[in-house]
């Protein structure tokens, strides 16, 4: 028999979901067989949808050999910190991600990504221990493309992460603003709406009309802040509010509207990208997540209501903006 005591970061989970995470090598059939025959919660049989509370004791009637077979210890690969901290308290950390760094790992990069860097930072501070946590890992509630810089919100506890995920996902809690430079003269503010289809093979999205039957809804607001030019080419500094949060949404939506982001290899214009590459050495999109406005808070994050968290442009981004638009810009 194996005894498991539920801690604060496991509380609030369904029994079946906890067991899937805890026994991360077990097939689903084994998990549900455990629930039917081999698991008791506080001495009693429990249904798969039972919500666990801190202090609950699970008794799993399997052998030590089965326990070892079904469970692989989580390996945290230390990653050196390259992000700045825009905000931090006992529940949340808002990191300033540099361009070029993945938010999560992928099949090519499993160690040096923002999430691993944040976890390593919290381990060094003594605020997170993978040895004592049974299933929880600090994780981001939003994500940015590799070459987009700026603010990424992390939950440091399971409860805070669940609430932050809900606040980011649902309307009316957190407004997300970006700064970018586009080709063309955007004369007035734009409310962009449509639907999108993702092409997994090319990792791009196609913007469809607002009345299209297929695709996911997307909505983006764009406000021009300043105008400039390089030779005969006009540019606009734009503040973008992301209403929905689709893959490549800002990049694809602005390009479809006729205002491609400079440096964007997927959705930009080659002539413009060649120009900014020659002038500034810019080879990726200039897009920076620079402001989070917490309109409302909820549960353990109710105190966040009214807070505004900002991130300045990176030095390279700021130099490009000053060169095109002058010194008196955000």
C-alpha atoms as a PDB file:
ATOM      1  CA  UNK A   1       0.000   0.000   0.000  1.00  0.00           C
ATOM      2  CA  UNK A   2       1.136   3.537  -0.852  1.00  0.00           C
ATOM      3  CA  UNK A   3      -0.013   6.514   1.259  1.00  0.00           C
ATOM      4  CA  UNK A   4      -0.233   9.992  -0.290  1.00  0.00           C
ATOM      5  CA  UNK A   5      -1.112  13.117   1.693  1.00  0.00           C
ATOM      6  CA  UNK A   6      -2.667  15.901  -0.367  1.00  0.00           C
ATOM      7  CA  UNK A   7      -0.968  19.266   0.000  1.00  0.00           C
ATOM      8  CA  UNK A   8      -2.220  22.771  -0.780  1.00  0.00           C
ATOM      9  CA  UNK A   9      -1.010  22.646  -4.385  1.00  0.00           C
ATOM     10  CA  UNK A  10      -2.890  19.380  -5.013  1.00  0.00           C
ATOM     11  CA  UNK A  11      -6.123  20.545  -3.376  1.00  0.00           C
ATOM     12  CA  UNK A  12      -9.072  21.343  -5.620  1.00  0.00           C
ATOM     13  CA  UNK A  13      -8.227  18.680  -8.197  1.00  0.00           C
ATOM     14  CA  UNK A  14     -10.468  15.793  -9.160  1.00  0.00           C
ATOM     15  CA  UNK A  15      -9.228  12.435  -7.954  1.00  0.00           C
ATOM     16  CA  UNK A  16      -8.759  11.055 -11.468  1.00  0.00           C
ATOM     17  CA  UNK A  17      -6.831  14.116 -12.659  1.00  0.00           C
ATOM     18  CA  UNK A  18      -4.530  14.019  -9.640  1.00  0.00           C
ATOM     19  CA  UNK A  19      -3.777  10.333 -10.192  1.00  0.00           C
ATOM     20  CA  UNK A  20      -3.060  10.905 -13.898  1.00  0.00           C
ATOM     21  CA  UNK A  21      -0.433  13.515 -12.956  1.00  0.00           C
ATOM     22  CA  UNK A  22       0.989  11.586 -10.001  1.00  0.00           C
ATOM     23  CA  UNK A  23       1.200   8.270 -11.842  1.00  0.00           C
ATOM     24  CA  UNK A  24       2.490   9.887 -15.008  1.00  0.00           C
ATOM     25  CA  UNK A  25       3.630   6.611 -16.600  1.00  0.00           C
ATOM     26  CA  UNK A  26       0.453   4.639 -15.961  1.00  0.00           C
ATOM     27  CA  UNK A  27      -1.990   3.906 -18.794  1.00  0.00           C
ATOM     28  CA  UNK A  28      -5.466   5.369 -18.365  1.00  0.00           C
ATOM     29  CA  UNK A  29      -6.901   1.887 -17.928  1.00  0.00           C
ATOM     30  CA  UNK A  30      -4.674   1.390 -14.875  1.00  0.00           C
ATOM     31  CA  UNK A  31      -5.714   4.760 -13.410  1.00  0.00           C
ATOM     32  CA  UNK A  32      -9.419   3.980 -13.627  1.00  0.00           C
ATOM     33  CA  UNK A  33      -8.870   0.421 -12.352  1.00  0.00           C
ATOM     34  CA  UNK A  34      -7.122   1.942  -9.324  1.00  0.00           C
ATOM     35  CA  UNK A  35     -10.102   4.215  -8.679  1.00  0.00           C
ATOM     36  CA  UNK A  36     -12.564   1.315  -8.942  1.00  0.00           C
ATOM     37  CA  UNK A  37     -10.604  -1.181  -6.841  1.00  0.00           C
ATOM     38  CA  UNK A  38      -7.370   0.119  -5.314  1.00  0.00           C
ATOM     39  CA  UNK A  39      -7.848   3.663  -3.962  1.00  0.00           C
ATOM     40  CA  UNK A  40      -9.446   4.985  -0.794  1.00  0.00           C
ATOM     41  CA  UNK A  41      -9.718   8.648   0.224  1.00  0.00           C
ATOM     42  CA  UNK A  42      -9.719   9.114   3.989  1.00  0.00           C
ATOM     43  CA  UNK A  43     -10.519   5.433   4.370  1.00  0.00           C
ATOM     44  CA  UNK A  44     -13.457   5.356   1.935  1.00  0.00           C
ATOM     45  CA  UNK A  45     -14.008   4.540  -1.705  1.00  0.00           C
ATOM     46  CA  UNK A  46     -14.315   7.659  -3.841  1.00  0.00           C
ATOM     47  CA  UNK A  47     -15.664   8.482  -7.284  1.00  0.00           C
ATOM     48  CA  UNK A  48     -13.324   9.711 -10.008  1.00  0.00           C
ATOM     49  CA  UNK A  49     -14.814  13.247  -9.855  1.00  0.00           C
ATOM     50  CA  UNK A  50     -14.216  13.575  -6.097  1.00  0.00           C
ATOM     51  CA  UNK A  51     -12.522  16.911  -5.317  1.00  0.00           C
ATOM     52  CA  UNK A  52      -9.469  16.547  -3.114  1.00  0.00           C
ATOM     53  CA  UNK A  53      -8.794  18.807  -0.131  1.00  0.00           C
ATOM     54  CA  UNK A  54      -5.552  19.698   1.609  1.00  0.00           C
ATOM     55  CA  UNK A  55      -4.815  17.062   4.253  1.00  0.00           C
ATOM     56  CA  UNK A  56      -6.767  14.267   2.557  1.00  0.00           C
ATOM     57  CA  UNK A  57      -5.031  10.900   2.777  1.00  0.00           C
ATOM     58  CA  UNK A  58      -5.048   8.591  -0.233  1.00  0.00           C
ATOM     59  CA  UNK A  59      -4.318   4.918   0.254  1.00  0.00           C
ATOM     60  CA  UNK A  60      -3.382   3.217  -3.014  1.00  0.00           C
ATOM     61  CA  UNK A  61      -3.359  -0.561  -2.728  1.00  0.00           C
ATOM     62  CA  UNK A  62      -0.588  -1.398  -5.181  1.00  0.00           C
ATOM     63  CA  UNK A  63       2.896  -2.794  -4.654  1.00  0.00           C
ATOM     64  CA  UNK A  64       6.037  -0.699  -4.355  1.00  0.00           C
ATOM     65  CA  UNK A  65       7.142  -2.182  -7.687  1.00  0.00           C
ATOM     66  CA  UNK A  66       3.931  -1.007  -9.388  1.00  0.00           C
ATOM     67  CA  UNK A  67       4.299   2.413  -7.741  1.00  0.00           C
ATOM     68  CA  UNK A  68       7.806   2.736  -9.187  1.00  0.00           C
ATOM     69  CA  UNK A  69       6.686   1.506 -12.597  1.00  0.00           C
ATOM     70  CA  UNK A  70       3.773   3.953 -12.832  1.00  0.00           C
ATOM     71  CA  UNK A  71       5.577   7.031 -11.510  1.00  0.00           C
ATOM     72  CA  UNK A  72       8.632   8.793 -12.924  1.00  0.00           C
ATOM     73  CA  UNK A  73      10.193  11.570 -10.884  1.00  0.00           C
ATOM     74  CA  UNK A  74       9.968  14.943 -12.598  1.00  0.00           C
ATOM     75  CA  UNK A  75      13.327  16.195 -13.806  1.00  0.00           C
ATOM     76  CA  UNK A  76      13.928  19.937 -13.633  1.00  0.00           C
ATOM     77  CA  UNK A  77      16.842  21.045 -15.781  1.00  0.00           C
ATOM     78  CA  UNK A  78      18.437  24.171 -14.330  1.00  0.00           C
ATOM     79  CA  UNK A  79      18.392  27.132 -16.704  1.00  0.00           C
ATOM     80  CA  UNK A  80      20.262  30.362 -16.121  1.00  0.00           C
ATOM     81  CA  UNK A  81      18.009  33.403 -15.632  1.00  0.00           C
ATOM     82  CA  UNK A  82      17.886  35.782 -18.613  1.00  0.00           C
ATOM     83  CA  UNK A  83      14.528  37.427 -17.866  1.00  0.00           C
ATOM     84  CA  UNK A  84      13.718  40.505 -15.807  1.00  0.00           C
ATOM     85  CA  UNK A  85      10.976  40.611 -13.179  1.00  0.00           C
ATOM     86  CA  UNK A  86       8.245  43.195 -13.726  1.00  0.00           C
ATOM     87  CA  UNK A  87       6.170  42.117 -10.704  1.00  0.00           C
ATOM     88  CA  UNK A  88       6.294  39.433  -8.019  1.00  0.00           C
ATOM     89  CA  UNK A  89       4.378  38.499  -4.873  1.00  0.00           C
ATOM     90  CA  UNK A  90       3.607  35.256  -3.020  1.00  0.00           C
ATOM     91  CA  UNK A  91       1.163  34.122  -5.729  1.00  0.00           C
ATOM     92  CA  UNK A  92       2.353  35.573  -9.025  1.00  0.00           C
ATOM     93  CA  UNK A  93       5.470  36.381 -10.989  1.00  0.00           C
ATOM     94  CA  UNK A  94       5.353  38.521 -14.140  1.00  0.00           C
ATOM     95  CA  UNK A  95       8.484  37.940 -16.207  1.00  0.00           C
ATOM     96  CA  UNK A  96       9.839  40.145 -18.992  1.00  0.00           C
ATOM     97  CA  UNK A  97      10.715  37.609 -21.673  1.00  0.00           C
ATOM     98  CA  UNK A  98      13.493  38.579 -24.087  1.00  0.00           C
ATOM     99  CA  UNK A  99      12.935  38.021 -27.789  1.00  0.00           C
ATOM    100  CA  UNK A 100      14.440  34.744 -28.992  1.00  0.00           C
ATOM    101  CA  UNK A 101      13.466  32.757 -25.884  1.00  0.00           C
ATOM    102  CA  UNK A 102      10.674  30.163 -25.967  1.00  0.00           C
ATOM    103  CA  UNK A 103       7.927  30.467 -23.341  1.00  0.00           C
ATOM    104  CA  UNK A 104       7.711  26.654 -23.098  1.00  0.00           C
ATOM    105  CA  UNK A 105      10.139  24.017 -24.246  1.00  0.00           C
ATOM    106  CA  UNK A 106       9.613  22.132 -27.489  1.00  0.00           C
ATOM    107  CA  UNK A 107      11.118  19.045 -29.105  1.00  0.00           C
ATOM    108  CA  UNK A 108      14.205  21.038 -30.074  1.00  0.00           C
ATOM    109  CA  UNK A 109      14.735  22.981 -26.822  1.00  0.00           C
ATOM    110  CA  UNK A 110      13.942  21.145 -23.601  1.00  0.00           C
ATOM    111  CA  UNK A 111      16.121  23.072 -21.148  1.00  0.00           C
ATOM    112  CA  UNK A 112      16.670  26.774 -21.816  1.00  0.00           C
ATOM    113  CA  UNK A 113      13.176  28.240 -22.033  1.00  0.00           C
ATOM    114  CA  UNK A 114      11.383  30.841 -19.928  1.00  0.00           C
ATOM    115  CA  UNK A 115       9.345  28.368 -17.872  1.00  0.00           C
ATOM    116  CA  UNK A 116      12.469  26.436 -16.860  1.00  0.00           C
ATOM    117  CA  UNK A 117      14.244  29.688 -16.033  1.00  0.00           C
ATOM    118  CA  UNK A 118      11.382  30.790 -13.770  1.00  0.00           C
ATOM    119  CA  UNK A 119      11.256  27.381 -12.061  1.00  0.00           C
ATOM    120  CA  UNK A 120      15.036  27.466 -11.504  1.00  0.00           C
ATOM    121  CA  UNK A 121      14.732  30.972 -10.043  1.00  0.00           C
ATOM    122  CA  UNK A 122      11.991  29.873  -7.620  1.00  0.00           C
ATOM    123  CA  UNK A 123      13.983  26.804  -6.580  1.00  0.00           C
ATOM    124  CA  UNK A 124      16.994  29.007  -5.805  1.00  0.00           C
ATOM    125  CA  UNK A 125      14.763  31.303  -3.735  1.00  0.00           C
ATOM    126  CA  UNK A 126      13.424  28.320  -1.796  1.00  0.00           C
ATOM    127  CA  UNK A 127       9.856  28.989  -2.935  1.00  0.00           C
ATOM    128  CA  UNK A 128       9.451  25.798  -4.951  1.00  0.00           C
ATOM    129  CA  UNK A 129      10.728  22.285  -4.372  1.00  0.00           C
ATOM    130  CA  UNK A 130      10.117  19.645  -7.058  1.00  0.00           C
ATOM    131  CA  UNK A 131      11.002  16.955  -4.516  1.00  0.00           C
ATOM    132  CA  UNK A 132       8.137  17.784  -2.183  1.00  0.00           C
ATOM    133  CA  UNK A 133       5.520  18.876  -4.729  1.00  0.00           C
ATOM    134  CA  UNK A 134       3.607  15.846  -5.964  1.00  0.00           C
ATOM    135  CA  UNK A 135       2.111  17.219  -9.197  1.00  0.00           C
ATOM    136  CA  UNK A 136       2.375  21.015  -9.311  1.00  0.00           C
ATOM    137  CA  UNK A 137       4.890  23.001 -11.353  1.00  0.00           C
ATOM    138  CA  UNK A 138       4.837  26.833 -11.614  1.00  0.00           C
ATOM    139  CA  UNK A 139       3.580  27.641 -15.116  1.00  0.00           C
ATOM    140  CA  UNK A 140       2.622  30.570 -17.360  1.00  0.00           C
ATOM    141  CA  UNK A 141      -0.994  31.692 -17.756  1.00  0.00           C
ATOM    142  CA  UNK A 142      -0.231  33.315 -21.117  1.00  0.00           C
ATOM    143  CA  UNK A 143       2.411  32.721 -23.741  1.00  0.00           C
ATOM    144  CA  UNK A 144       4.362  34.732 -26.295  1.00  0.00           C
ATOM    145  CA  UNK A 145       5.907  33.635 -29.579  1.00  0.00           C
ATOM    146  CA  UNK A 146       9.649  32.976 -29.418  1.00  0.00           C
ATOM    147  CA  UNK A 147      10.555  36.298 -31.061  1.00  0.00           C
ATOM    148  CA  UNK A 148       7.947  38.412 -29.250  1.00  0.00           C
ATOM    149  CA  UNK A 149       9.278  40.089 -26.114  1.00  0.00           C
ATOM    150  CA  UNK A 150       7.488  41.242 -22.990  1.00  0.00           C
ATOM    151  CA  UNK A 151       5.225  40.258 -20.118  1.00  0.00           C
ATOM    152  CA  UNK A 152       4.404  36.650 -19.227  1.00  0.00           C
ATOM    153  CA  UNK A 153       2.284  35.914 -16.142  1.00  0.00           C
ATOM    154  CA  UNK A 154       3.208  32.889 -13.975  1.00  0.00           C
ATOM    155  CA  UNK A 155       1.254  31.282 -11.149  1.00  0.00           C
ATOM    156  CA  UNK A 156       3.519  30.329  -8.235  1.00  0.00           C
ATOM    157  CA  UNK A 157       0.858  28.171  -6.552  1.00  0.00           C
ATOM    158  CA  UNK A 158      -1.735  25.831  -8.034  1.00  0.00           C
ATOM    159  CA  UNK A 159      -4.650  27.952  -6.806  1.00  0.00           C
ATOM    160  CA  UNK A 160      -3.117  31.167  -8.156  1.00  0.00           C
ATOM    161  CA  UNK A 161      -2.364  29.516 -11.500  1.00  0.00           C
ATOM    162  CA  UNK A 162      -5.932  28.232 -11.872  1.00  0.00           C
ATOM    163  CA  UNK A 163      -7.309  31.700 -11.139  1.00  0.00           C
ATOM    164  CA  UNK A 164      -4.776  33.463 -13.376  1.00  0.00           C
ATOM    165  CA  UNK A 165      -5.613  31.096 -16.240  1.00  0.00           C
ATOM    166  CA  UNK A 166      -9.292  31.892 -15.849  1.00  0.00           C
ATOM    167  CA  UNK A 167      -8.670  35.642 -15.640  1.00  0.00           C
ATOM    168  CA  UNK A 168      -6.500  35.616 -18.774  1.00  0.00           C
ATOM    169  CA  UNK A 169      -8.972  33.449 -20.681  1.00  0.00           C
ATOM    170  CA  UNK A 170     -12.249  35.165 -19.757  1.00  0.00           C
ATOM    171  CA  UNK A 171     -13.225  38.660 -20.818  1.00  0.00           C
ATOM    172  CA  UNK A 172     -13.280  41.520 -18.349  1.00  0.00           C
ATOM    173  CA  UNK A 173     -10.391  40.558 -16.077  1.00  0.00           C
ATOM    174  CA  UNK A 174      -7.067  41.410 -17.751  1.00  0.00           C
ATOM    175  CA  UNK A 175      -6.419  43.732 -20.696  1.00  0.00           C
ATOM    176  CA  UNK A 176      -3.273  42.878 -22.679  1.00  0.00           C
ATOM    177  CA  UNK A 177      -1.474  45.596 -24.668  1.00  0.00           C
ATOM    178  CA  UNK A 178       1.426  45.385 -27.119  1.00  0.00           C
ATOM    179  CA  UNK A 179       3.671  47.872 -28.902  1.00  0.00           C
ATOM    180  CA  UNK A 180       4.710  47.251 -32.475  1.00  0.00           C
ATOM    181  CA  UNK A 181       5.935  49.002 -35.616  1.00  0.00           C
ATOM    182  CA  UNK A 182       4.063  48.404 -38.864  1.00  0.00           C
ATOM    183  CA  UNK A 183       4.697  49.384 -42.462  1.00  0.00           C
ATOM    184  CA  UNK A 184       2.250  51.967 -43.782  1.00  0.00           C
ATOM    185  CA  UNK A 185       0.398  55.010 -42.464  1.00  0.00           C
ATOM    186  CA  UNK A 186      -2.377  53.815 -40.132  1.00  0.00           C
ATOM    187  CA  UNK A 187      -4.498  56.956 -40.176  1.00  0.00           C
ATOM    188  CA  UNK A 188      -6.988  55.973 -37.461  1.00  0.00           C
ATOM    189  CA  UNK A 189      -7.743  53.377 -34.822  1.00  0.00           C
ATOM    190  CA  UNK A 190      -8.933  50.014 -36.098  1.00  0.00           C
ATOM    191  CA  UNK A 191     -11.149  47.306 -34.605  1.00  0.00           C
ATOM    192  CA  UNK A 192     -10.177  44.131 -36.431  1.00  0.00           C
ATOM    193  CA  UNK A 193     -12.495  41.128 -36.312  1.00  0.00           C
ATOM    194  CA  UNK A 194     -12.482  37.871 -38.189  1.00  0.00           C
ATOM    195  CA  UNK A 195     -11.886  34.171 -37.896  1.00  0.00           C
ATOM    196  CA  UNK A 196      -8.702  32.195 -38.316  1.00  0.00           C
ATOM    197  CA  UNK A 197      -7.561  28.802 -39.573  1.00  0.00           C
ATOM    198  CA  UNK A 198      -4.241  27.311 -38.529  1.00  0.00           C
ATOM    199  CA  UNK A 199      -1.976  25.449 -40.924  1.00  0.00           C
ATOM    200  CA  UNK A 200      -0.039  23.049 -38.734  1.00  0.00           C
ATOM    201  CA  UNK A 201       2.375  22.090 -41.511  1.00  0.00           C
ATOM    202  CA  UNK A 202       3.640  25.652 -42.117  1.00  0.00           C
ATOM    203  CA  UNK A 203       2.863  26.894 -38.585  1.00  0.00           C
ATOM    204  CA  UNK A 204       0.959  29.886 -39.951  1.00  0.00           C
ATOM    205  CA  UNK A 205      -2.625  31.092 -39.699  1.00  0.00           C
ATOM    206  CA  UNK A 206      -4.986  32.353 -42.363  1.00  0.00           C
ATOM    207  CA  UNK A 207      -7.376  35.182 -41.510  1.00  0.00           C
ATOM    208  CA  UNK A 208     -10.911  34.576 -42.747  1.00  0.00           C
ATOM    209  CA  UNK A 209     -13.832  36.956 -42.989  1.00  0.00           C
ATOM    210  CA  UNK A 210     -15.963  37.749 -39.968  1.00  0.00           C
ATOM    211  CA  UNK A 211     -18.879  35.841 -41.531  1.00  0.00           C
ATOM    212  CA  UNK A 212     -16.892  32.676 -42.262  1.00  0.00           C
ATOM    213  CA  UNK A 213     -18.431  29.435 -40.989  1.00  0.00           C
ATOM    214  CA  UNK A 214     -15.122  27.787 -40.091  1.00  0.00           C
ATOM    215  CA  UNK A 215     -12.217  28.857 -37.916  1.00  0.00           C
ATOM    216  CA  UNK A 216     -11.892  30.440 -34.480  1.00  0.00           C
ATOM    217  CA  UNK A 217     -13.065  33.959 -33.716  1.00  0.00           C
ATOM    218  CA  UNK A 218     -10.380  36.615 -33.331  1.00  0.00           C
ATOM    219  CA  UNK A 219     -10.545  40.263 -32.297  1.00  0.00           C
ATOM    220  CA  UNK A 220      -7.757  42.849 -32.188  1.00  0.00           C
ATOM    221  CA  UNK A 221      -7.807  46.605 -31.513  1.00  0.00           C
ATOM    222  CA  UNK A 222      -5.048  48.819 -32.963  1.00  0.00           C
ATOM    223  CA  UNK A 223      -4.339  52.484 -32.092  1.00  0.00           C
ATOM    224  CA  UNK A 224      -1.703  54.555 -33.980  1.00  0.00           C
ATOM    225  CA  UNK A 225       0.680  56.436 -31.670  1.00  0.00           C
ATOM    226  CA  UNK A 226       3.298  58.014 -33.955  1.00  0.00           C
ATOM    227  CA  UNK A 227       4.348  58.244 -37.584  1.00  0.00           C
ATOM    228  CA  UNK A 228       7.753  58.177 -39.235  1.00  0.00           C
ATOM    229  CA  UNK A 229       9.588  57.138 -42.359  1.00  0.00           C
ATOM    230  CA  UNK A 230      12.787  55.706 -43.723  1.00  0.00           C
ATOM    231  CA  UNK A 231      13.361  57.136 -47.175  1.00  0.00           C
ATOM    232  CA  UNK A 232      10.092  56.750 -49.045  1.00  0.00           C
ATOM    233  CA  UNK A 233       8.622  54.108 -46.713  1.00  0.00           C
ATOM    234  CA  UNK A 234       6.119  55.186 -44.061  1.00  0.00           C
ATOM    235  CA  UNK A 235       5.808  53.495 -40.680  1.00  0.00           C
ATOM    236  CA  UNK A 236       3.373  53.663 -37.762  1.00  0.00           C
ATOM    237  CA  UNK A 237       4.046  52.965 -34.099  1.00  0.00           C
ATOM    238  CA  UNK A 238       0.954  51.080 -32.916  1.00  0.00           C
ATOM    239  CA  UNK A 239      -0.516  50.072 -29.576  1.00  0.00           C
ATOM    240  CA  UNK A 240      -2.418  46.806 -29.944  1.00  0.00           C
ATOM    241  CA  UNK A 241      -4.977  45.431 -27.509  1.00  0.00           C
ATOM    242  CA  UNK A 242      -5.395  41.684 -27.772  1.00  0.00           C
ATOM    243  CA  UNK A 243      -9.043  40.804 -27.151  1.00  0.00           C
ATOM    244  CA  UNK A 244      -8.900  37.120 -28.072  1.00  0.00           C
ATOM    245  CA  UNK A 245      -5.653  35.186 -27.852  1.00  0.00           C
ATOM    246  CA  UNK A 246      -5.099  33.107 -30.974  1.00  0.00           C
ATOM    247  CA  UNK A 247      -1.859  31.835 -32.463  1.00  0.00           C
ATOM    248  CA  UNK A 248       0.012  34.638 -34.291  1.00  0.00           C
ATOM    249  CA  UNK A 249      -3.148  36.754 -33.959  1.00  0.00           C
ATOM    250  CA  UNK A 250      -1.625  40.244 -33.921  1.00  0.00           C
ATOM    251  CA  UNK A 251       0.867  39.473 -36.679  1.00  0.00           C
ATOM    252  CA  UNK A 252      -1.684  37.877 -39.010  1.00  0.00           C
ATOM    253  CA  UNK A 253      -4.476  40.371 -38.295  1.00  0.00           C
ATOM    254  CA  UNK A 254      -2.366  43.475 -38.928  1.00  0.00           C
ATOM    255  CA  UNK A 255      -0.882  41.964 -42.086  1.00  0.00           C
ATOM    256  CA  UNK A 256      -4.341  41.118 -43.411  1.00  0.00           C
ATOM    257  CA  UNK A 257      -5.407  44.718 -42.737  1.00  0.00           C
ATOM    258  CA  UNK A 258      -2.474  45.987 -44.834  1.00  0.00           C
ATOM    259  CA  UNK A 259      -0.102  46.925 -41.996  1.00  0.00           C
ATOM    260  CA  UNK A 260       2.485  44.138 -41.620  1.00  0.00           C
ATOM    261  CA  UNK A 261       4.801  44.201 -38.620  1.00  0.00           C
ATOM    262  CA  UNK A 262       8.378  45.024 -39.549  1.00  0.00           C
ATOM    263  CA  UNK A 263      10.791  42.101 -39.476  1.00  0.00           C
ATOM    264  CA  UNK A 264       8.014  39.496 -39.566  1.00  0.00           C
ATOM    265  CA  UNK A 265       9.240  36.680 -41.816  1.00  0.00           C
ATOM    266  CA  UNK A 266       5.898  34.831 -41.873  1.00  0.00           C
ATOM    267  CA  UNK A 267       3.400  37.655 -42.421  1.00  0.00           C
ATOM    268  CA  UNK A 268       5.517  40.657 -43.425  1.00  0.00           C
ATOM    269  CA  UNK A 269       6.678  42.105 -46.745  1.00  0.00           C
ATOM    270  CA  UNK A 270      10.081  41.098 -48.040  1.00  0.00           C
ATOM    271  CA  UNK A 271      10.974  44.592 -49.309  1.00  0.00           C
ATOM    272  CA  UNK A 272      10.229  46.140 -45.904  1.00  0.00           C
ATOM    273  CA  UNK A 273      12.007  43.359 -44.036  1.00  0.00           C
ATOM    274  CA  UNK A 274      15.083  43.766 -46.237  1.00  0.00           C
ATOM    275  CA  UNK A 275      15.073  47.501 -45.466  1.00  0.00           C
ATOM    276  CA  UNK A 276      14.886  47.122 -41.668  1.00  0.00           C
ATOM    277  CA  UNK A 277      17.432  44.316 -41.801  1.00  0.00           C
ATOM    278  CA  UNK A 278      19.915  46.598 -43.579  1.00  0.00           C
ATOM    279  CA  UNK A 279      19.165  49.591 -41.357  1.00  0.00           C
ATOM    280  CA  UNK A 280      18.895  47.895 -37.942  1.00  0.00           C
ATOM    281  CA  UNK A 281      19.908  44.260 -38.277  1.00  0.00           C
ATOM    282  CA  UNK A 282      16.306  43.325 -37.415  1.00  0.00           C
ATOM    283  CA  UNK A 283      15.440  39.816 -38.636  1.00  0.00           C
ATOM    284  CA  UNK A 284      12.371  38.999 -36.497  1.00  0.00           C
ATOM    285  CA  UNK A 285       9.089  40.773 -35.753  1.00  0.00           C
ATOM    286  CA  UNK A 286       9.230  43.875 -33.555  1.00  0.00           C
ATOM    287  CA  UNK A 287       6.413  43.074 -31.153  1.00  0.00           C
ATOM    288  CA  UNK A 288       6.505  43.722 -27.414  1.00  0.00           C
ATOM    289  CA  UNK A 289       3.889  42.802 -24.768  1.00  0.00           C
ATOM    290  CA  UNK A 290       4.263  45.948 -22.692  1.00  0.00           C
ATOM    291  CA  UNK A 291       1.230  46.367 -20.425  1.00  0.00           C
ATOM    292  CA  UNK A 292      -1.159  44.214 -18.367  1.00  0.00           C
ATOM    293  CA  UNK A 293      -4.141  45.971 -16.810  1.00  0.00           C
ATOM    294  CA  UNK A 294      -6.011  44.024 -14.145  1.00  0.00           C
ATOM    295  CA  UNK A 295      -9.593  45.267 -14.408  1.00  0.00           C
ATOM    296  CA  UNK A 296     -10.917  42.818 -11.834  1.00  0.00           C
ATOM    297  CA  UNK A 297      -9.513  40.247  -9.467  1.00  0.00           C
ATOM    298  CA  UNK A 298     -10.953  36.998  -8.222  1.00  0.00           C
ATOM    299  CA  UNK A 299     -10.513  34.597  -5.289  1.00  0.00           C
ATOM    300  CA  UNK A 300      -6.897  34.637  -4.028  1.00  0.00           C
ATOM    301  CA  UNK A 301      -6.039  37.212  -6.726  1.00  0.00           C
ATOM    302  CA  UNK A 302      -8.794  39.716  -5.808  1.00  0.00           C
ATOM    303  CA  UNK A 303      -6.099  42.160  -4.653  1.00  0.00           C
ATOM    304  CA  UNK A 304      -4.835  42.477  -8.241  1.00  0.00           C
ATOM    305  CA  UNK A 305      -7.870  44.569  -9.272  1.00  0.00           C
ATOM    306  CA  UNK A 306      -6.682  47.962 -10.517  1.00  0.00           C
ATOM    307  CA  UNK A 307      -3.004  47.006 -10.843  1.00  0.00           C
ATOM    308  CA  UNK A 308      -1.125  47.914 -14.028  1.00  0.00           C
ATOM    309  CA  UNK A 309       2.143  46.135 -14.852  1.00  0.00           C
ATOM    310  CA  UNK A 310       4.421  47.567 -17.539  1.00  0.00           C
ATOM    311  CA  UNK A 311       7.543  46.534 -19.417  1.00  0.00           C
ATOM    312  CA  UNK A 312       9.735  48.923 -21.372  1.00  0.00           C
ATOM    313  CA  UNK A 313      10.873  48.100 -24.883  1.00  0.00           C
ATOM    314  CA  UNK A 314      14.147  46.209 -24.991  1.00  0.00           C
ATOM    315  CA  UNK A 315      17.192  48.401 -25.723  1.00  0.00           C
ATOM    316  CA  UNK A 316      17.374  47.147 -29.333  1.00  0.00           C
ATOM    317  CA  UNK A 317      13.647  47.747 -29.883  1.00  0.00           C
ATOM    318  CA  UNK A 318      13.812  51.197 -28.302  1.00  0.00           C
ATOM    319  CA  UNK A 319      16.746  52.180 -30.532  1.00  0.00           C
ATOM    320  CA  UNK A 320      14.772  51.231 -33.660  1.00  0.00           C
ATOM    321  CA  UNK A 321      11.693  53.139 -32.472  1.00  0.00           C
ATOM    322  CA  UNK A 322      13.745  56.270 -31.715  1.00  0.00           C
ATOM    323  CA  UNK A 323      15.451  56.101 -35.102  1.00  0.00           C
ATOM    324  CA  UNK A 324      12.128  55.949 -36.975  1.00  0.00           C
ATOM    325  CA  UNK A 325       9.881  58.129 -34.784  1.00  0.00           C
ATOM    326  CA  UNK A 326      12.165  60.375 -32.762  1.00  0.00           C
ATOM    327  CA  UNK A 327      12.879  60.513 -29.038  1.00  0.00           C
ATOM    328  CA  UNK A 328       9.456  61.417 -27.632  1.00  0.00           C
ATOM    329  CA  UNK A 329       7.718  58.068 -28.009  1.00  0.00           C
ATOM    330  CA  UNK A 330       6.765  55.336 -25.459  1.00  0.00           C
END
